[in-house]
Amino acid sequence: MHVVDLRNFYETALGRLTAELLSRRLKQLASVSTGHTVMGLGFAHPYFTAMAHEDATSFSFMQAKQGVIHWPQEGEANRSVLVDECDLPLVESVIDLALVVHGLEFADTPDDMLHEVWRVLAPQGRLVLVIPNRRGLWAASESTPLGHGQPFSRHQITELLKEAKFDVTHWDTALHFPPLRHRTTMATARHFEKFGRLIVGAFAGVTIVEAVKQVYAFSSGKRARRLVPRFRPVFLPAPHGMRASRQDQFP
């Protein structure tokens, strides 16, 4: 989806409700402390209010295929930039929290994207992913952004994170009501969301995953074999016509 389509969705009644309910889950999941650096990737800035501390540094990276818009507001200093999600313009280990929303499902190579997020995260830095649930109703409806791109199952996400050297620390779900714009559906959505995890958790609209960056001693799966030079004495032939002494027998 284009960034304009994403922005327009969050300006609708259903989009505002989606942001409200997801923000509640994210606020319970992960908090940010003073001095932390928060990176949004995809279209994550509608959720910064729930995640970021007022004294934290936050900025929004938007993927090249989607386009970029000014953020936070016109007239304020811009903190959004267009990036290649597999080649972020950051040095290693500078991010405390990476929030990825409307990002992984639109990446051509999700595994490369997660490896790049791992690179810029600080040791024990946290990654929070909001991903369309493959089994949910929202992924089957093209009326919202969650119905576009590639949805994921819990098993698929687990394997991707494991390959990218992340340890999953928490799972959650959200958007347990159907993606309908009917007034009645949206009026009851807040009440239904309280008990939705117990009733239709496996079929929720999104899966929320928190994972921690792990740093290992060896980046590759196989440890390189160290070659140690070995020396042995070698007997040299004595010069012609001369008797070899004991010292001449060794190099």
Protein backbone atom coordinates (compact mmCIF):
# COMPACT_ATOMS: atom_id res chain seq x y z
CA MET A 1 0.00 0.00 0.00
CA HIS A 2 1.07 3.54 -0.64
CA VAL A 3 1.77 5.73 2.37
CA VAL A 4 -1.14 7.98 1.39
CA ASP A 5 -3.52 5.01 1.60
CA LEU A 6 -2.20 4.18 5.05
CA ARG A 7 -2.60 7.77 6.22
CA ASN A 8 -6.13 7.96 4.81
CA PHE A 9 -7.13 4.76 6.60
CA TYR A 10 -6.04 6.12 9.99
CA GLU A 11 -8.12 9.22 9.37
CA THR A 12 -11.32 7.14 9.14
CA ALA A 13 -13.43 6.06 12.11
CA LEU A 14 -12.27 2.45 11.75
CA GLY A 15 -8.65 3.58 11.48
CA ARG A 16 -8.86 5.70 14.64
CA LEU A 17 -10.45 2.79 16.47
CA THR A 18 -7.71 0.45 15.22
CA ALA A 19 -4.99 2.82 16.44
CA GLU A 20 -6.69 3.19 19.83
CA LEU A 21 -7.07 -0.54 20.49
CA LEU A 22 -3.63 -1.46 19.22
CA SER A 23 -2.04 1.34 21.24
CA ARG A 24 -3.56 -0.10 24.42
CA ARG A 25 -1.92 -3.44 23.77
CA LEU A 26 1.43 -1.87 22.89
CA LYS A 27 1.44 0.33 25.97
CA GLN A 28 0.94 -2.73 28.18
CA LEU A 29 3.61 -4.67 26.33
CA ALA A 30 6.59 -2.36 26.23
CA SER A 31 7.42 0.96 27.83
CA VAL A 32 10.23 3.33 26.93
CA SER A 33 12.46 5.14 29.41
CA THR A 34 14.05 8.56 29.36
CA GLY A 35 16.96 8.79 26.95
CA HIS A 36 15.97 5.78 24.88
CA THR A 37 16.00 5.88 21.09
CA VAL A 38 12.89 4.53 19.37
CA MET A 39 12.85 3.63 15.69
CA GLY A 40 9.60 3.14 13.81
CA LEU A 41 9.74 1.13 10.61
CA GLY A 42 6.92 0.88 8.07
CA PHE A 43 4.02 3.08 9.17
CA ALA A 44 4.54 3.03 12.92
CA HIS A 45 4.23 6.65 14.01
CA PRO A 46 0.47 6.46 14.86
CA TYR A 47 1.59 4.26 17.77
CA PHE A 48 4.49 6.32 19.09
CA THR A 49 2.24 8.06 21.62
CA ALA A 50 1.58 4.72 23.30
CA MET A 51 5.18 3.50 23.15
CA ALA A 52 7.52 6.47 23.51
CA HIS A 53 8.44 8.50 26.56
CA GLU A 54 8.26 12.26 26.17
CA ASP A 55 12.01 12.49 26.78
CA ALA A 56 12.86 9.64 24.41
CA THR A 57 14.15 10.22 20.89
CA SER A 58 11.84 8.81 18.23
CA PHE A 59 11.89 8.87 14.45
CA SER A 60 10.02 7.10 11.67
CA PHE A 61 11.58 5.17 8.80
CA MET A 62 9.20 4.57 5.89
CA GLN A 63 9.89 1.94 3.26
CA ALA A 64 10.86 2.98 -0.23
CA LYS A 65 8.01 1.15 -1.97
CA GLN A 66 5.40 2.89 0.16
CA GLY A 67 6.65 6.46 0.02
CA VAL A 68 7.09 8.95 2.83
CA ILE A 69 5.05 11.74 4.44
CA HIS A 70 6.01 14.50 6.83
CA TRP A 71 5.85 13.59 10.49
CA PRO A 72 4.92 14.58 13.18
CA GLN A 73 2.96 17.55 11.80
CA GLU A 74 3.39 20.20 9.19
CA GLY A 75 5.34 23.10 10.65
CA GLU A 76 7.27 20.91 13.10
CA ALA A 77 10.72 19.50 12.60
CA ASN A 78 10.45 16.47 10.33
CA ARG A 79 11.44 13.11 11.85
CA SER A 80 10.52 10.78 9.01
CA VAL A 81 12.71 9.58 6.17
CA LEU A 82 12.45 7.24 3.19
CA VAL A 83 14.70 4.18 3.51
CA ASP A 84 15.57 0.81 2.10
CA GLU A 85 14.39 -1.50 4.90
CA CYS A 86 17.33 -3.84 4.21
CA ASP A 87 19.94 -1.06 4.34
CA LEU A 88 19.08 1.36 7.16
CA PRO A 89 21.13 4.59 7.36
CA LEU A 90 22.36 3.88 10.90
CA VAL A 91 25.51 2.54 12.49
CA GLU A 92 25.41 -0.65 14.53
CA SER A 93 23.80 -0.95 17.98
CA VAL A 94 22.19 2.47 18.38
CA ILE A 95 18.46 1.67 18.78
CA ASP A 96 16.82 0.70 22.08
CA LEU A 97 13.39 -0.15 20.67
CA ALA A 98 12.32 -0.92 17.10
CA LEU A 99 8.58 -0.78 16.42
CA VAL A 100 7.59 -2.36 13.09
CA VAL A 101 3.99 -1.79 11.96
CA HIS A 102 2.77 -2.21 8.36
CA GLY A 103 6.34 -3.12 7.52
CA LEU A 104 7.29 -6.78 7.52
CA GLU A 105 4.32 -7.88 5.41
CA PHE A 106 5.34 -5.45 2.64
CA ALA A 107 9.03 -6.38 2.56
CA ASP A 108 10.32 -8.35 -0.45
CA THR A 109 12.73 -10.25 1.81
CA PRO A 110 11.42 -10.28 5.40
CA ASP A 111 14.43 -12.24 6.64
CA ASP A 112 16.87 -9.60 5.34
CA MET A 113 14.76 -6.88 6.93
CA LEU A 114 14.90 -8.55 10.34
CA HIS A 115 18.66 -9.07 10.05
CA GLU A 116 19.05 -5.35 9.37
CA VAL A 117 16.90 -4.44 12.37
CA TRP A 118 19.09 -6.77 14.45
CA ARG A 119 22.18 -4.91 13.26
CA VAL A 120 21.01 -1.46 14.41
CA LEU A 121 19.55 -2.63 17.74
CA ALA A 122 21.67 -2.30 20.86
CA PRO A 123 22.54 -5.52 22.71
CA GLN A 124 19.36 -6.67 24.48
CA GLY A 125 17.46 -4.08 22.44
CA ARG A 126 13.79 -4.85 21.87
CA LEU A 127 11.88 -5.44 18.67
CA VAL A 128 8.07 -5.13 18.66
CA LEU A 129 6.32 -6.48 15.58
CA VAL A 130 2.67 -5.93 14.67
CA ILE A 131 1.83 -8.42 11.93
CA PRO A 132 -1.36 -9.43 10.11
CA ASN A 133 -2.52 -12.80 11.40
CA ARG A 134 -2.71 -15.31 8.58
CA ARG A 135 -5.75 -16.99 10.14
CA GLY A 136 -7.59 -13.76 10.97
CA LEU A 137 -10.52 -12.05 9.27
CA TRP A 138 -8.59 -8.83 8.78
CA ALA A 139 -6.04 -10.50 6.50
CA ALA A 140 -8.89 -11.72 4.29
CA SER A 141 -10.41 -8.25 3.84
CA GLU A 142 -8.83 -5.69 1.50
CA SER A 143 -10.80 -2.84 3.08
CA THR A 144 -7.96 -2.22 5.58
CA PRO A 145 -4.15 -2.17 5.27
CA LEU A 146 -3.98 -5.51 7.09
CA GLY A 147 -5.58 -7.17 4.07
CA HIS A 148 -2.60 -6.26 1.87
CA GLY A 149 0.88 -7.73 1.77
CA GLN A 150 1.89 -11.11 3.18
CA PRO A 151 0.25 -12.24 6.46
CA PHE A 152 2.15 -14.58 8.74
CA SER A 153 1.34 -17.48 11.03
CA ARG A 154 2.86 -17.71 14.48
CA HIS A 155 5.11 -20.54 13.35
CA GLN A 156 6.42 -18.50 10.40
CA ILE A 157 7.25 -15.54 12.61
CA THR A 158 8.98 -17.78 15.14
CA GLU A 159 11.24 -19.23 12.46
CA LEU A 160 12.06 -15.81 10.97
CA LEU A 161 12.99 -14.37 14.36
CA LYS A 162 15.07 -17.40 15.28
CA GLU A 163 17.00 -17.13 12.02
CA ALA A 164 17.61 -13.42 12.66
CA LYS A 165 18.99 -14.16 16.18
CA PHE A 166 16.06 -12.83 18.21
CA ASP A 167 14.59 -14.43 21.32
CA VAL A 168 10.80 -14.08 21.59
CA THR A 169 9.79 -12.79 25.02
CA HIS A 170 6.06 -12.14 24.63
CA TRP A 171 3.11 -12.92 22.35
CA ASP A 172 -0.18 -11.04 22.18
CA THR A 173 -3.13 -10.53 19.85
CA ALA A 174 -5.42 -7.61 19.04
CA LEU A 175 -8.34 -6.62 16.81
CA HIS A 176 -10.66 -9.48 17.69
CA PHE A 177 -13.72 -7.93 16.08
CA PRO A 178 -14.48 -8.18 12.33
CA PRO A 179 -13.11 -5.36 10.10
CA LEU A 180 -16.55 -3.87 9.40
CA ARG A 181 -17.39 -0.18 9.27
CA HIS A 182 -20.90 -0.73 10.60
CA ARG A 183 -21.74 1.61 13.45
CA THR A 184 -22.91 -1.26 15.66
CA THR A 185 -19.72 -3.26 15.14
CA MET A 186 -17.46 -0.35 16.03
CA ALA A 187 -19.61 0.61 19.00
CA THR A 188 -19.16 -2.82 20.57
CA ALA A 189 -15.54 -3.32 19.50
CA ARG A 190 -14.03 -1.91 22.71
CA HIS A 191 -16.07 -4.25 24.88
CA PHE A 192 -15.40 -7.23 22.64
CA GLU A 193 -11.67 -6.53 22.66
CA LYS A 194 -11.51 -7.14 26.44
CA PHE A 195 -12.59 -10.75 26.08
CA GLY A 196 -11.61 -11.43 22.48
CA ARG A 197 -8.34 -13.14 23.30
CA LEU A 198 -10.19 -15.82 25.26
CA ILE A 199 -12.75 -16.39 22.51
CA VAL A 200 -11.12 -15.81 19.11
CA GLY A 201 -7.46 -15.24 20.00
CA ALA A 202 -6.18 -17.55 17.27
CA PHE A 203 -8.24 -15.65 14.68
CA ALA A 204 -7.38 -12.12 15.79
CA GLY A 205 -6.59 -9.45 13.24
CA VAL A 206 -2.97 -8.99 14.27
CA THR A 207 -0.25 -10.81 16.15
CA ILE A 208 1.99 -8.72 18.38
CA VAL A 209 5.45 -10.07 19.14
CA GLU A 210 8.14 -8.74 21.43
CA ALA A 211 11.64 -10.11 20.86
CA VAL A 212 15.09 -9.31 22.25
CA LYS A 213 18.31 -9.07 20.31
CA GLN A 214 20.78 -11.76 21.28
CA VAL A 215 24.53 -11.40 20.72
CA TYR A 216 26.49 -14.58 20.26
CA ALA A 217 30.22 -15.22 20.34
CA PHE A 218 30.22 -16.60 16.80
CA SER A 219 28.02 -15.13 14.09
CA SER A 220 28.13 -18.25 11.92
CA GLY A 221 26.77 -21.66 12.74
CA LYS A 222 30.14 -23.41 12.28
CA ARG A 223 33.16 -22.57 14.35
CA ALA A 224 36.27 -22.03 12.27
CA ARG A 225 39.00 -24.59 12.89
CA ARG A 226 42.23 -23.05 14.01
CA LEU A 227 45.28 -24.47 12.29
CA VAL A 228 48.30 -24.82 14.60
CA PRO A 229 51.71 -25.25 12.90
CA ARG A 230 53.56 -28.39 13.94
CA PHE A 231 57.35 -28.90 13.64
CA ARG A 232 59.35 -32.15 13.52
CA PRO A 233 63.12 -32.70 13.28
CA VAL A 234 64.35 -33.59 9.84
CA PHE A 235 67.63 -35.48 9.16
CA LEU A 236 69.69 -33.88 6.42
CA PRO A 237 72.18 -35.84 4.36
CA ALA A 238 75.82 -35.16 5.17
CA PRO A 239 77.93 -33.37 2.54
CA HIS A 240 79.81 -35.69 0.17
CA GLY A 241 83.09 -36.91 1.61
CA MET A 242 82.44 -35.53 5.08
CA ARG A 243 81.22 -37.26 8.24
CA ALA A 244 78.07 -35.76 9.59
CA SER A 245 78.34 -34.52 13.13
CA ARG A 246 75.47 -34.70 15.63
CA GLN A 247 74.70 -31.01 15.05
CA ASP A 248 74.49 -31.57 11.29
CA GLN A 249 71.75 -34.13 11.71
CA PHE A 250 69.16 -31.54 12.79
CA PRO A 251 68.12 -28.30 11.14
